[in-house]
């Protein structure tokens, strides 16, 4: 019988409370033992037995965790992850791993030197639609694919008090949603030959970017990743065009809504999408519904546990996320200078 991996969460905001903590709680190989909350004891109230600390330093000094999950604002990811690795702890960082790619490279080197597991919470690799697209591509259902469009549009015309909308490092929608969309596209097609981006602030008084449109070239395939907070009408989450047909999918993976509703991520039907929400494949003979594969964020933490136990290799590696960060950095440069940036200049 394996000893449970003692796990701590640093920061207990919405994403930690609604997603990370429940996922850790249902993972057979992990035990949620501690949390860093500057104020209050919200985690301890939900999970009796969890110790609350007021600082990362206090948590590390107490030595009550083997794995530390960092869910703080982006600007703290690098220094906190570095501090944890230096203390001999395995680390998971909520995306993005760091703001700058060279910081992620430093963390990667440190984790290798200390033989520690370091990964990033790219949970949306385990969205049902992403798993479905991987299957469609591998089966060549659409023939040779020539175009993919990935949207993450919402209607949020009012600026909020969330740190992502304030004048802080790593703010904005590109670092929030862009890393997911680019990570998924790279998962599908590999690294692009060049990118060209348009990143804007569209809402009145916006400090942080709230719109992006990033084009990625893969030779015979073109991809587009875009997100807006001023999209009141439905747009497809995914649109793929191939020489034998097209695939269109509306709506988000069902898991996030379940987390927000406070549902525990357990049971065989956890990530099952209702039939009426399935995407459709269009071809010369007409159209047909395409079953959405079952999404499952639980896979992420199970893989982390198995990597720590030496039973498996990591699904989400730091070199992968470094390339995504380099594409993000190139996107900001492309938008500012109004030009394409190739892989040689971008360094991915």
C-alpha atoms as a PDB file:
ATOM      1  CA  UNK A   1       0.000   0.000   0.000  1.00  0.00           C
ATOM      2  CA  UNK A   2       1.422   3.358  -1.075  1.00  0.00           C
ATOM      3  CA  UNK A   3       1.734   6.203   1.391  1.00  0.00           C
ATOM      4  CA  UNK A   4      -0.501   9.135   0.486  1.00  0.00           C
ATOM      5  CA  UNK A   5       1.330  12.155  -0.931  1.00  0.00           C
ATOM      6  CA  UNK A   6       0.833  15.059   1.463  1.00  0.00           C
ATOM      7  CA  UNK A   7      -0.442  17.995  -0.585  1.00  0.00           C
ATOM      8  CA  UNK A   8      -0.767  21.700   0.224  1.00  0.00           C
ATOM      9  CA  UNK A   9      -2.418  24.545  -1.685  1.00  0.00           C
ATOM     10  CA  UNK A  10      -0.974  28.053  -1.650  1.00  0.00           C
ATOM     11  CA  UNK A  11      -3.816  30.542  -2.059  1.00  0.00           C
ATOM     12  CA  UNK A  12      -7.471  29.621  -1.635  1.00  0.00           C
ATOM     13  CA  UNK A  13      -9.328  31.775  -4.129  1.00  0.00           C
ATOM     14  CA  UNK A  14     -12.104  30.583  -6.395  1.00  0.00           C
ATOM     15  CA  UNK A  15     -10.027  28.278  -8.628  1.00  0.00           C
ATOM     16  CA  UNK A  16      -8.428  26.589  -5.610  1.00  0.00           C
ATOM     17  CA  UNK A  17     -11.699  26.224  -3.711  1.00  0.00           C
ATOM     18  CA  UNK A  18     -13.879  25.124  -6.629  1.00  0.00           C
ATOM     19  CA  UNK A  19     -11.422  23.024  -8.639  1.00  0.00           C
ATOM     20  CA  UNK A  20      -7.996  22.181  -7.188  1.00  0.00           C
ATOM     21  CA  UNK A  21      -9.121  21.196  -3.689  1.00  0.00           C
ATOM     22  CA  UNK A  22     -11.955  18.893  -4.878  1.00  0.00           C
ATOM     23  CA  UNK A  23      -9.676  17.236  -7.451  1.00  0.00           C
ATOM     24  CA  UNK A  24      -6.972  16.644  -4.845  1.00  0.00           C
ATOM     25  CA  UNK A  25      -9.582  15.393  -2.377  1.00  0.00           C
ATOM     26  CA  UNK A  26     -10.890  12.677  -4.733  1.00  0.00           C
ATOM     27  CA  UNK A  27      -7.444  11.508  -5.865  1.00  0.00           C
ATOM     28  CA  UNK A  28      -6.683   8.200  -4.125  1.00  0.00           C
ATOM     29  CA  UNK A  29      -2.949   8.917  -3.980  1.00  0.00           C
ATOM     30  CA  UNK A  30      -3.096  12.459  -2.569  1.00  0.00           C
ATOM     31  CA  UNK A  31      -4.007  13.806   0.856  1.00  0.00           C
ATOM     32  CA  UNK A  32      -4.880  17.486   1.285  1.00  0.00           C
ATOM     33  CA  UNK A  33      -3.005  18.373   4.456  1.00  0.00           C
ATOM     34  CA  UNK A  34      -2.414  22.127   4.437  1.00  0.00           C
ATOM     35  CA  UNK A  35      -3.300  25.464   2.865  1.00  0.00           C
ATOM     36  CA  UNK A  36      -1.860  28.962   2.847  1.00  0.00           C
ATOM     37  CA  UNK A  37      -4.616  31.538   3.385  1.00  0.00           C
ATOM     38  CA  UNK A  38      -3.667  35.073   4.355  1.00  0.00           C
ATOM     39  CA  UNK A  39      -7.054  35.611   6.003  1.00  0.00           C
ATOM     40  CA  UNK A  40      -9.688  33.197   7.234  1.00  0.00           C
ATOM     41  CA  UNK A  41      -9.850  29.402   7.400  1.00  0.00           C
ATOM     42  CA  UNK A  42     -12.191  28.627   4.494  1.00  0.00           C
ATOM     43  CA  UNK A  43     -10.300  25.511   3.384  1.00  0.00           C
ATOM     44  CA  UNK A  44     -10.087  24.146   6.909  1.00  0.00           C
ATOM     45  CA  UNK A  45     -13.839  24.573   7.324  1.00  0.00           C
ATOM     46  CA  UNK A  46     -14.501  22.585   4.142  1.00  0.00           C
ATOM     47  CA  UNK A  47     -11.831  19.968   4.794  1.00  0.00           C
ATOM     48  CA  UNK A  48     -11.462  19.343   8.543  1.00  0.00           C
ATOM     49  CA  UNK A  49      -7.960  18.271   9.449  1.00  0.00           C
ATOM     50  CA  UNK A  50      -6.305  20.631   6.991  1.00  0.00           C
ATOM     51  CA  UNK A  51      -3.803  22.974   8.644  1.00  0.00           C
ATOM     52  CA  UNK A  52      -3.966  26.679   7.767  1.00  0.00           C
ATOM     53  CA  UNK A  53      -0.813  28.761   7.434  1.00  0.00           C
ATOM     54  CA  UNK A  54      -0.548  32.496   6.814  1.00  0.00           C
ATOM     55  CA  UNK A  55       2.544  32.406   4.601  1.00  0.00           C
ATOM     56  CA  UNK A  56       4.444  30.077   2.314  1.00  0.00           C
ATOM     57  CA  UNK A  57       7.448  30.427   4.592  1.00  0.00           C
ATOM     58  CA  UNK A  58       5.445  29.104   7.552  1.00  0.00           C
ATOM     59  CA  UNK A  59       4.154  26.199   5.456  1.00  0.00           C
ATOM     60  CA  UNK A  60       7.644  25.205   4.309  1.00  0.00           C
ATOM     61  CA  UNK A  61       9.057  25.504   7.818  1.00  0.00           C
ATOM     62  CA  UNK A  62       6.338  23.187   9.178  1.00  0.00           C
ATOM     63  CA  UNK A  63       7.255  20.572   6.540  1.00  0.00           C
ATOM     64  CA  UNK A  64       3.748  19.093   6.330  1.00  0.00           C
ATOM     65  CA  UNK A  65       3.569  18.637   2.540  1.00  0.00           C
ATOM     66  CA  UNK A  66       5.442  16.771  -0.197  1.00  0.00           C
ATOM     67  CA  UNK A  67       3.555  18.403  -3.086  1.00  0.00           C
ATOM     68  CA  UNK A  68       2.701  22.098  -3.168  1.00  0.00           C
ATOM     69  CA  UNK A  69       0.073  23.537  -5.520  1.00  0.00           C
ATOM     70  CA  UNK A  70       0.417  27.262  -6.267  1.00  0.00           C
ATOM     71  CA  UNK A  71      -2.819  29.063  -7.177  1.00  0.00           C
ATOM     72  CA  UNK A  72      -1.807  32.665  -6.459  1.00  0.00           C
ATOM     73  CA  UNK A  73      -1.899  35.553  -8.988  1.00  0.00           C
ATOM     74  CA  UNK A  74       0.518  35.055 -11.885  1.00  0.00           C
ATOM     75  CA  UNK A  75       3.232  37.433 -10.652  1.00  0.00           C
ATOM     76  CA  UNK A  76       3.896  35.172  -7.638  1.00  0.00           C
ATOM     77  CA  UNK A  77       4.169  31.896  -9.562  1.00  0.00           C
ATOM     78  CA  UNK A  78       7.894  32.089 -10.283  1.00  0.00           C
ATOM     79  CA  UNK A  79       9.234  33.165  -6.851  1.00  0.00           C
ATOM     80  CA  UNK A  80       6.932  30.791  -4.971  1.00  0.00           C
ATOM     81  CA  UNK A  81       7.618  27.793  -7.218  1.00  0.00           C
ATOM     82  CA  UNK A  82      11.350  28.455  -6.936  1.00  0.00           C
ATOM     83  CA  UNK A  83      11.105  28.672  -3.143  1.00  0.00           C
ATOM     84  CA  UNK A  84       9.209  25.362  -2.990  1.00  0.00           C
ATOM     85  CA  UNK A  85      11.660  23.560  -5.293  1.00  0.00           C
ATOM     86  CA  UNK A  86      14.599  24.890  -3.262  1.00  0.00           C
ATOM     87  CA  UNK A  87      12.903  23.372  -0.212  1.00  0.00           C
ATOM     88  CA  UNK A  88      12.747  19.967  -1.912  1.00  0.00           C
ATOM     89  CA  UNK A  89       9.037  19.987  -2.697  1.00  0.00           C
ATOM     90  CA  UNK A  90       7.243  18.738  -5.802  1.00  0.00           C
ATOM     91  CA  UNK A  91       5.265  21.572  -7.387  1.00  0.00           C
ATOM     92  CA  UNK A  92       2.136  22.114  -9.474  1.00  0.00           C
ATOM     93  CA  UNK A  93       1.530  25.683 -10.641  1.00  0.00           C
ATOM     94  CA  UNK A  94      -1.785  26.938 -11.938  1.00  0.00           C
ATOM     95  CA  UNK A  95      -1.371  28.157 -15.508  1.00  0.00           C
ATOM     96  CA  UNK A  96       0.607  29.997 -16.707  1.00  0.00           C
ATOM     97  CA  UNK A  97       3.612  28.466 -14.957  1.00  0.00           C
ATOM     98  CA  UNK A  98       5.357  31.862 -15.003  1.00  0.00           C
ATOM     99  CA  UNK A  99       4.924  35.179 -16.813  1.00  0.00           C
ATOM    100  CA  UNK A 100       8.203  34.986 -18.736  1.00  0.00           C
ATOM    101  CA  UNK A 101       9.619  31.948 -20.521  1.00  0.00           C
ATOM    102  CA  UNK A 102      13.113  32.438 -19.098  1.00  0.00           C
ATOM    103  CA  UNK A 103      11.641  32.110 -15.585  1.00  0.00           C
ATOM    104  CA  UNK A 104      10.057  28.788 -16.567  1.00  0.00           C
ATOM    105  CA  UNK A 105      13.424  27.661 -17.957  1.00  0.00           C
ATOM    106  CA  UNK A 106      15.024  28.416 -14.590  1.00  0.00           C
ATOM    107  CA  UNK A 107      12.367  26.393 -12.769  1.00  0.00           C
ATOM    108  CA  UNK A 108      12.748  23.506 -15.198  1.00  0.00           C
ATOM    109  CA  UNK A 109      16.494  23.380 -14.613  1.00  0.00           C
ATOM    110  CA  UNK A 110      16.055  23.563 -10.838  1.00  0.00           C
ATOM    111  CA  UNK A 111      13.485  20.745 -10.822  1.00  0.00           C
ATOM    112  CA  UNK A 112      15.799  18.556 -12.922  1.00  0.00           C
ATOM    113  CA  UNK A 113      18.771  19.244 -10.640  1.00  0.00           C
ATOM    114  CA  UNK A 114      16.740  18.308  -7.562  1.00  0.00           C
ATOM    115  CA  UNK A 115      14.918  15.403  -9.249  1.00  0.00           C
ATOM    116  CA  UNK A 116      11.519  16.870  -8.404  1.00  0.00           C
ATOM    117  CA  UNK A 117       8.196  16.791 -10.247  1.00  0.00           C
ATOM    118  CA  UNK A 118       7.176  20.191 -11.629  1.00  0.00           C
ATOM    119  CA  UNK A 119       4.062  20.611 -13.744  1.00  0.00           C
ATOM    120  CA  UNK A 120       1.385  23.114 -14.750  1.00  0.00           C
ATOM    121  CA  UNK A 121      -2.375  22.816 -14.360  1.00  0.00           C
ATOM    122  CA  UNK A 122      -3.318  22.661 -18.033  1.00  0.00           C
ATOM    123  CA  UNK A 123      -6.619  21.041 -17.127  1.00  0.00           C
ATOM    124  CA  UNK A 124      -8.239  21.986 -20.430  1.00  0.00           C
ATOM    125  CA  UNK A 125      -6.208  19.331 -22.214  1.00  0.00           C
ATOM    126  CA  UNK A 126      -8.775  17.047 -20.589  1.00  0.00           C
ATOM    127  CA  UNK A 127     -11.855  18.879 -21.878  1.00  0.00           C
ATOM    128  CA  UNK A 128     -14.260  16.561 -23.673  1.00  0.00           C
ATOM    129  CA  UNK A 129     -14.103  18.580 -26.898  1.00  0.00           C
ATOM    130  CA  UNK A 130     -10.294  18.546 -26.932  1.00  0.00           C
ATOM    131  CA  UNK A 131     -10.257  14.771 -26.465  1.00  0.00           C
ATOM    132  CA  UNK A 132     -12.873  14.496 -29.240  1.00  0.00           C
ATOM    133  CA  UNK A 133     -10.784  16.576 -31.643  1.00  0.00           C
ATOM    134  CA  UNK A 134      -7.703  14.460 -30.937  1.00  0.00           C
ATOM    135  CA  UNK A 135      -9.770  11.408 -31.885  1.00  0.00           C
ATOM    136  CA  UNK A 136     -11.168  13.076 -35.020  1.00  0.00           C
ATOM    137  CA  UNK A 137      -7.636  14.032 -36.108  1.00  0.00           C
ATOM    138  CA  UNK A 138      -6.171  10.590 -35.418  1.00  0.00           C
ATOM    139  CA  UNK A 139      -9.016   8.860 -37.274  1.00  0.00           C
ATOM    140  CA  UNK A 140      -8.799  11.373 -40.166  1.00  0.00           C
ATOM    141  CA  UNK A 141     -12.586  11.741 -40.022  1.00  0.00           C
ATOM    142  CA  UNK A 142     -12.397  15.063 -41.901  1.00  0.00           C
ATOM    143  CA  UNK A 143      -9.676  13.963 -44.293  1.00  0.00           C
ATOM    144  CA  UNK A 144      -6.693  16.278 -44.497  1.00  0.00           C
ATOM    145  CA  UNK A 145      -7.359  19.160 -42.082  1.00  0.00           C
ATOM    146  CA  UNK A 146      -6.600  22.655 -43.383  1.00  0.00           C
ATOM    147  CA  UNK A 147      -8.072  25.006 -40.765  1.00  0.00           C
ATOM    148  CA  UNK A 148      -8.935  25.112 -37.066  1.00  0.00           C
ATOM    149  CA  UNK A 149     -10.590  27.947 -35.201  1.00  0.00           C
ATOM    150  CA  UNK A 150     -10.708  28.012 -31.397  1.00  0.00           C
ATOM    151  CA  UNK A 151     -12.913  30.535 -29.572  1.00  0.00           C
ATOM    152  CA  UNK A 152     -13.345  31.279 -25.888  1.00  0.00           C
ATOM    153  CA  UNK A 153     -15.851  34.099 -26.048  1.00  0.00           C
ATOM    154  CA  UNK A 154     -17.929  35.550 -23.223  1.00  0.00           C
ATOM    155  CA  UNK A 155     -20.036  38.635 -22.573  1.00  0.00           C
ATOM    156  CA  UNK A 156     -18.612  40.540 -19.617  1.00  0.00           C
ATOM    157  CA  UNK A 157     -18.945  44.233 -20.524  1.00  0.00           C
ATOM    158  CA  UNK A 158     -18.285  45.445 -16.980  1.00  0.00           C
ATOM    159  CA  UNK A 159     -14.749  45.551 -15.587  1.00  0.00           C
ATOM    160  CA  UNK A 160     -14.432  43.637 -12.315  1.00  0.00           C
ATOM    161  CA  UNK A 161     -12.210  43.843  -9.235  1.00  0.00           C
ATOM    162  CA  UNK A 162     -10.428  40.614 -10.214  1.00  0.00           C
ATOM    163  CA  UNK A 163      -6.630  40.986 -10.178  1.00  0.00           C
ATOM    164  CA  UNK A 164      -6.528  39.869 -13.829  1.00  0.00           C
ATOM    165  CA  UNK A 165      -8.151  43.172 -14.816  1.00  0.00           C
ATOM    166  CA  UNK A 166      -5.808  45.365 -12.763  1.00  0.00           C
ATOM    167  CA  UNK A 167      -2.407  46.873 -13.523  1.00  0.00           C
ATOM    168  CA  UNK A 168      -0.336  43.912 -12.321  1.00  0.00           C
ATOM    169  CA  UNK A 169       2.203  41.686 -14.099  1.00  0.00           C
ATOM    170  CA  UNK A 170       0.668  38.793 -16.025  1.00  0.00           C
ATOM    171  CA  UNK A 171      -2.798  40.335 -16.171  1.00  0.00           C
ATOM    172  CA  UNK A 172      -5.238  40.134 -19.054  1.00  0.00           C
ATOM    173  CA  UNK A 173      -7.115  37.600 -21.120  1.00  0.00           C
ATOM    174  CA  UNK A 174      -4.137  36.428 -23.194  1.00  0.00           C
ATOM    175  CA  UNK A 175      -2.290  35.063 -20.157  1.00  0.00           C
ATOM    176  CA  UNK A 176      -5.582  33.765 -18.727  1.00  0.00           C
ATOM    177  CA  UNK A 177      -7.251  32.050 -21.695  1.00  0.00           C
ATOM    178  CA  UNK A 178      -4.650  32.354 -24.449  1.00  0.00           C
ATOM    179  CA  UNK A 179      -2.321  29.877 -22.762  1.00  0.00           C
ATOM    180  CA  UNK A 180      -5.108  27.266 -22.794  1.00  0.00           C
ATOM    181  CA  UNK A 181      -6.033  27.770 -26.442  1.00  0.00           C
ATOM    182  CA  UNK A 182      -2.439  27.827 -27.666  1.00  0.00           C
ATOM    183  CA  UNK A 183      -1.534  24.802 -25.559  1.00  0.00           C
ATOM    184  CA  UNK A 184      -4.416  22.875 -27.130  1.00  0.00           C
ATOM    185  CA  UNK A 185      -3.491  23.891 -30.687  1.00  0.00           C
ATOM    186  CA  UNK A 186       0.143  22.878 -30.112  1.00  0.00           C
ATOM    187  CA  UNK A 187      -1.165  19.577 -28.719  1.00  0.00           C
ATOM    188  CA  UNK A 188      -3.063  19.051 -31.999  1.00  0.00           C
ATOM    189  CA  UNK A 189      -0.480  20.202 -34.554  1.00  0.00           C
ATOM    190  CA  UNK A 190       2.912  20.751 -32.908  1.00  0.00           C
ATOM    191  CA  UNK A 191       4.786  24.055 -32.978  1.00  0.00           C
ATOM    192  CA  UNK A 192       3.862  26.728 -35.555  1.00  0.00           C
ATOM    193  CA  UNK A 193       6.106  28.118 -38.291  1.00  0.00           C
ATOM    194  CA  UNK A 194       4.980  31.649 -37.489  1.00  0.00           C
ATOM    195  CA  UNK A 195       2.333  33.544 -35.556  1.00  0.00           C
ATOM    196  CA  UNK A 196       0.612  36.890 -36.004  1.00  0.00           C
ATOM    197  CA  UNK A 197      -1.461  38.452 -33.272  1.00  0.00           C
ATOM    198  CA  UNK A 198      -3.880  41.271 -32.552  1.00  0.00           C
ATOM    199  CA  UNK A 199      -4.237  41.940 -28.810  1.00  0.00           C
ATOM    200  CA  UNK A 200      -6.468  44.776 -27.625  1.00  0.00           C
ATOM    201  CA  UNK A 201      -8.257  46.493 -24.774  1.00  0.00           C
ATOM    202  CA  UNK A 202     -11.826  46.930 -26.018  1.00  0.00           C
ATOM    203  CA  UNK A 203     -13.895  47.848 -22.959  1.00  0.00           C
ATOM    204  CA  UNK A 204     -14.045  51.462 -21.821  1.00  0.00           C
ATOM    205  CA  UNK A 205     -11.495  51.991 -19.061  1.00  0.00           C
ATOM    206  CA  UNK A 206      -9.875  48.569 -19.480  1.00  0.00           C
ATOM    207  CA  UNK A 207      -6.323  48.368 -18.130  1.00  0.00           C
ATOM    208  CA  UNK A 208      -5.631  44.763 -19.126  1.00  0.00           C
ATOM    209  CA  UNK A 209      -6.060  43.191 -22.559  1.00  0.00           C
ATOM    210  CA  UNK A 210      -9.564  41.779 -23.005  1.00  0.00           C
ATOM    211  CA  UNK A 211      -9.380  40.567 -26.635  1.00  0.00           C
ATOM    212  CA  UNK A 212      -6.937  38.558 -28.683  1.00  0.00           C
ATOM    213  CA  UNK A 213      -6.847  37.044 -32.137  1.00  0.00           C
ATOM    214  CA  UNK A 214      -3.750  34.906 -32.762  1.00  0.00           C
ATOM    215  CA  UNK A 215      -3.075  33.197 -36.092  1.00  0.00           C
ATOM    216  CA  UNK A 216      -0.719  30.226 -36.177  1.00  0.00           C
ATOM    217  CA  UNK A 217       0.744  28.738 -39.368  1.00  0.00           C
ATOM    218  CA  UNK A 218       1.546  25.040 -39.706  1.00  0.00           C
ATOM    219  CA  UNK A 219       2.229  24.921 -43.430  1.00  0.00           C
ATOM    220  CA  UNK A 220      -0.836  23.256 -44.934  1.00  0.00           C
ATOM    221  CA  UNK A 221      -2.817  24.005 -41.759  1.00  0.00           C
ATOM    222  CA  UNK A 222      -3.815  27.406 -40.417  1.00  0.00           C
ATOM    223  CA  UNK A 223      -5.117  27.806 -36.864  1.00  0.00           C
ATOM    224  CA  UNK A 224      -6.738  30.744 -35.140  1.00  0.00           C
ATOM    225  CA  UNK A 225      -7.101  31.257 -31.376  1.00  0.00           C
ATOM    226  CA  UNK A 226      -9.359  34.080 -30.291  1.00  0.00           C
ATOM    227  CA  UNK A 227     -11.200  35.306 -27.205  1.00  0.00           C
ATOM    228  CA  UNK A 228     -13.404  38.277 -26.427  1.00  0.00           C
ATOM    229  CA  UNK A 229     -15.389  39.484 -23.427  1.00  0.00           C
ATOM    230  CA  UNK A 230     -17.781  41.462 -25.660  1.00  0.00           C
ATOM    231  CA  UNK A 231     -19.332  38.553 -27.510  1.00  0.00           C
ATOM    232  CA  UNK A 232     -23.023  38.401 -26.617  1.00  0.00           C
ATOM    233  CA  UNK A 233     -24.000  36.064 -29.457  1.00  0.00           C
ATOM    234  CA  UNK A 234     -23.013  32.374 -29.661  1.00  0.00           C
ATOM    235  CA  UNK A 235     -19.763  31.557 -31.420  1.00  0.00           C
ATOM    236  CA  UNK A 236     -18.420  28.039 -31.959  1.00  0.00           C
ATOM    237  CA  UNK A 237     -15.969  26.806 -29.355  1.00  0.00           C
ATOM    238  CA  UNK A 238     -14.259  24.903 -32.176  1.00  0.00           C
ATOM    239  CA  UNK A 239     -14.522  24.925 -35.955  1.00  0.00           C
ATOM    240  CA  UNK A 240     -12.377  22.524 -37.989  1.00  0.00           C
ATOM    241  CA  UNK A 241     -12.338  22.305 -41.776  1.00  0.00           C
ATOM    242  CA  UNK A 242     -10.926  19.377 -43.722  1.00  0.00           C
ATOM    243  CA  UNK A 243     -10.993  18.095 -47.290  1.00  0.00           C
ATOM    244  CA  UNK A 244     -13.771  15.603 -46.440  1.00  0.00           C
ATOM    245  CA  UNK A 245     -15.876  17.736 -44.109  1.00  0.00           C
ATOM    246  CA  UNK A 246     -16.095  20.078 -41.125  1.00  0.00           C
ATOM    247  CA  UNK A 247     -16.614  19.739 -37.371  1.00  0.00           C
ATOM    248  CA  UNK A 248     -18.406  22.421 -35.367  1.00  0.00           C
ATOM    249  CA  UNK A 249     -18.776  22.428 -31.578  1.00  0.00           C
ATOM    250  CA  UNK A 250     -20.637  24.965 -29.450  1.00  0.00           C
ATOM    251  CA  UNK A 251     -20.513  25.345 -25.677  1.00  0.00           C
ATOM    252  CA  UNK A 252     -17.889  24.694 -23.027  1.00  0.00           C
ATOM    253  CA  UNK A 253     -16.853  21.430 -21.428  1.00  0.00           C
ATOM    254  CA  UNK A 254     -19.401  20.418 -18.773  1.00  0.00           C
ATOM    255  CA  UNK A 255     -16.909  20.063 -15.913  1.00  0.00           C
ATOM    256  CA  UNK A 256     -16.379  23.736 -15.077  1.00  0.00           C
ATOM    257  CA  UNK A 257     -20.103  24.367 -14.537  1.00  0.00           C
ATOM    258  CA  UNK A 258     -20.236  21.337 -12.232  1.00  0.00           C
ATOM    259  CA  UNK A 259     -17.272  22.621 -10.214  1.00  0.00           C
ATOM    260  CA  UNK A 260     -18.865  26.068  -9.914  1.00  0.00           C
ATOM    261  CA  UNK A 261     -22.093  24.429  -8.718  1.00  0.00           C
ATOM    262  CA  UNK A 262     -20.127  22.706  -5.966  1.00  0.00           C
ATOM    263  CA  UNK A 263     -20.454  19.177  -7.344  1.00  0.00           C
ATOM    264  CA  UNK A 264     -17.802  16.703  -6.266  1.00  0.00           C
ATOM    265  CA  UNK A 265     -15.771  15.313  -9.196  1.00  0.00           C
ATOM    266  CA  UNK A 266     -16.630  11.663  -8.817  1.00  0.00           C
ATOM    267  CA  UNK A 267     -18.626   8.952 -10.517  1.00  0.00           C
ATOM    268  CA  UNK A 268     -18.538   7.431 -13.992  1.00  0.00           C
ATOM    269  CA  UNK A 269     -20.755  10.167 -15.449  1.00  0.00           C
ATOM    270  CA  UNK A 270     -18.657  13.108 -14.202  1.00  0.00           C
ATOM    271  CA  UNK A 271     -17.523  14.486 -17.593  1.00  0.00           C
ATOM    272  CA  UNK A 272     -20.335  13.110 -19.740  1.00  0.00           C
ATOM    273  CA  UNK A 273     -21.903  15.717 -22.027  1.00  0.00           C
ATOM    274  CA  UNK A 274     -25.636  15.569 -22.865  1.00  0.00           C
ATOM    275  CA  UNK A 275     -26.436  14.411 -26.407  1.00  0.00           C
ATOM    276  CA  UNK A 276     -28.026  17.744 -27.318  1.00  0.00           C
ATOM    277  CA  UNK A 277     -24.681  19.501 -26.746  1.00  0.00           C
ATOM    278  CA  UNK A 278     -22.607  17.234 -28.984  1.00  0.00           C
ATOM    279  CA  UNK A 279     -20.802  18.808 -31.917  1.00  0.00           C
ATOM    280  CA  UNK A 280     -21.702  18.107 -35.521  1.00  0.00           C
ATOM    281  CA  UNK A 281     -19.802  16.849 -38.523  1.00  0.00           C
ATOM    282  CA  UNK A 282     -20.828  18.266 -41.897  1.00  0.00           C
ATOM    283  CA  UNK A 283     -19.929  16.536 -45.175  1.00  0.00           C
ATOM    284  CA  UNK A 284     -21.203  16.160 -48.735  1.00  0.00           C
ATOM    285  CA  UNK A 285     -23.925  13.689 -47.689  1.00  0.00           C
ATOM    286  CA  UNK A 286     -25.303  15.945 -44.955  1.00  0.00           C
ATOM    287  CA  UNK A 287     -24.581  16.203 -41.232  1.00  0.00           C
ATOM    288  CA  UNK A 288     -24.394  14.020 -38.141  1.00  0.00           C
ATOM    289  CA  UNK A 289     -23.870  14.461 -34.418  1.00  0.00           C
ATOM    290  CA  UNK A 290     -20.439  13.518 -33.112  1.00  0.00           C
ATOM    291  CA  UNK A 291     -20.360  12.110 -29.579  1.00  0.00           C
ATOM    292  CA  UNK A 292     -18.253  14.214 -27.242  1.00  0.00           C
ATOM    293  CA  UNK A 293     -15.623  12.176 -25.437  1.00  0.00           C
ATOM    294  CA  UNK A 294     -15.847  12.231 -21.650  1.00  0.00           C
ATOM    295  CA  UNK A 295     -13.802  15.072 -20.201  1.00  0.00           C
ATOM    296  CA  UNK A 296     -11.911  14.292 -17.007  1.00  0.00           C
ATOM    297  CA  UNK A 297      -9.718  16.749 -15.090  1.00  0.00           C
ATOM    298  CA  UNK A 298      -9.113  14.010 -12.509  1.00  0.00           C
ATOM    299  CA  UNK A 299      -6.569  12.553 -14.937  1.00  0.00           C
ATOM    300  CA  UNK A 300      -4.238  15.480 -14.252  1.00  0.00           C
ATOM    301  CA  UNK A 301      -3.711  14.932 -10.514  1.00  0.00           C
ATOM    302  CA  UNK A 302      -3.650  11.153 -10.880  1.00  0.00           C
ATOM    303  CA  UNK A 303      -0.790  11.606 -13.350  1.00  0.00           C
ATOM    304  CA  UNK A 304       1.016  13.966 -10.954  1.00  0.00           C
ATOM    305  CA  UNK A 305       0.765  11.376  -8.176  1.00  0.00           C
ATOM    306  CA  UNK A 306       2.011   8.578 -10.442  1.00  0.00           C
ATOM    307  CA  UNK A 307       4.919  10.738 -11.630  1.00  0.00           C
ATOM    308  CA  UNK A 308       5.943  11.420  -8.011  1.00  0.00           C
ATOM    309  CA  UNK A 309       5.686   7.690  -7.286  1.00  0.00           C
ATOM    310  CA  UNK A 310       7.820   6.921 -10.336  1.00  0.00           C
ATOM    311  CA  UNK A 311       5.011   4.991 -12.032  1.00  0.00           C
ATOM    312  CA  UNK A 312       4.425   7.348 -14.961  1.00  0.00           C
ATOM    313  CA  UNK A 313       5.892  10.204 -16.963  1.00  0.00           C
ATOM    314  CA  UNK A 314       4.284  13.643 -16.818  1.00  0.00           C
ATOM    315  CA  UNK A 315       1.520  14.493 -19.279  1.00  0.00           C
ATOM    316  CA  UNK A 316       2.131  18.250 -18.894  1.00  0.00           C
ATOM    317  CA  UNK A 317       5.837  19.060 -18.964  1.00  0.00           C
ATOM    318  CA  UNK A 318       7.636  22.353 -18.422  1.00  0.00           C
ATOM    319  CA  UNK A 319       9.375  22.337 -21.859  1.00  0.00           C
ATOM    320  CA  UNK A 320       5.886  22.171 -23.417  1.00  0.00           C
ATOM    321  CA  UNK A 321       4.695  25.140 -21.382  1.00  0.00           C
ATOM    322  CA  UNK A 322       7.891  27.083 -22.129  1.00  0.00           C
ATOM    323  CA  UNK A 323       7.042  26.895 -25.835  1.00  0.00           C
ATOM    324  CA  UNK A 324       3.512  28.123 -25.126  1.00  0.00           C
ATOM    325  CA  UNK A 325       4.929  31.066 -23.151  1.00  0.00           C
ATOM    326  CA  UNK A 326       7.307  31.899 -26.006  1.00  0.00           C
ATOM    327  CA  UNK A 327       4.350  31.979 -28.392  1.00  0.00           C
ATOM    328  CA  UNK A 328       2.482  34.269 -25.938  1.00  0.00           C
ATOM    329  CA  UNK A 329       5.513  36.571 -25.708  1.00  0.00           C
ATOM    330  CA  UNK A 330       5.796  36.623 -29.499  1.00  0.00           C
ATOM    331  CA  UNK A 331       2.068  37.394 -29.741  1.00  0.00           C
ATOM    332  CA  UNK A 332       2.420  40.557 -27.664  1.00  0.00           C
ATOM    333  CA  UNK A 333       5.406  41.604 -29.778  1.00  0.00           C
ATOM    334  CA  UNK A 334       3.546  40.805 -33.005  1.00  0.00           C
ATOM    335  CA  UNK A 335       0.528  42.844 -31.916  1.00  0.00           C
ATOM    336  CA  UNK A 336       2.674  45.808 -30.908  1.00  0.00           C
ATOM    337  CA  UNK A 337       4.755  45.788 -34.099  1.00  0.00           C
ATOM    338  CA  UNK A 338       2.016  44.661 -36.490  1.00  0.00           C
ATOM    339  CA  UNK A 339       3.943  41.799 -38.082  1.00  0.00           C
ATOM    340  CA  UNK A 340       4.446  38.042 -38.240  1.00  0.00           C
ATOM    341  CA  UNK A 341       7.011  36.438 -35.961  1.00  0.00           C
ATOM    342  CA  UNK A 342       8.624  33.189 -37.035  1.00  0.00           C
ATOM    343  CA  UNK A 343       9.789  30.292 -34.862  1.00  0.00           C
ATOM    344  CA  UNK A 344      13.447  31.264 -35.248  1.00  0.00           C
ATOM    345  CA  UNK A 345      12.830  34.750 -33.846  1.00  0.00           C
ATOM    346  CA  UNK A 346      10.317  33.495 -31.287  1.00  0.00           C
ATOM    347  CA  UNK A 347      12.635  30.726 -30.116  1.00  0.00           C
ATOM    348  CA  UNK A 348      10.064  27.962 -29.678  1.00  0.00           C
END
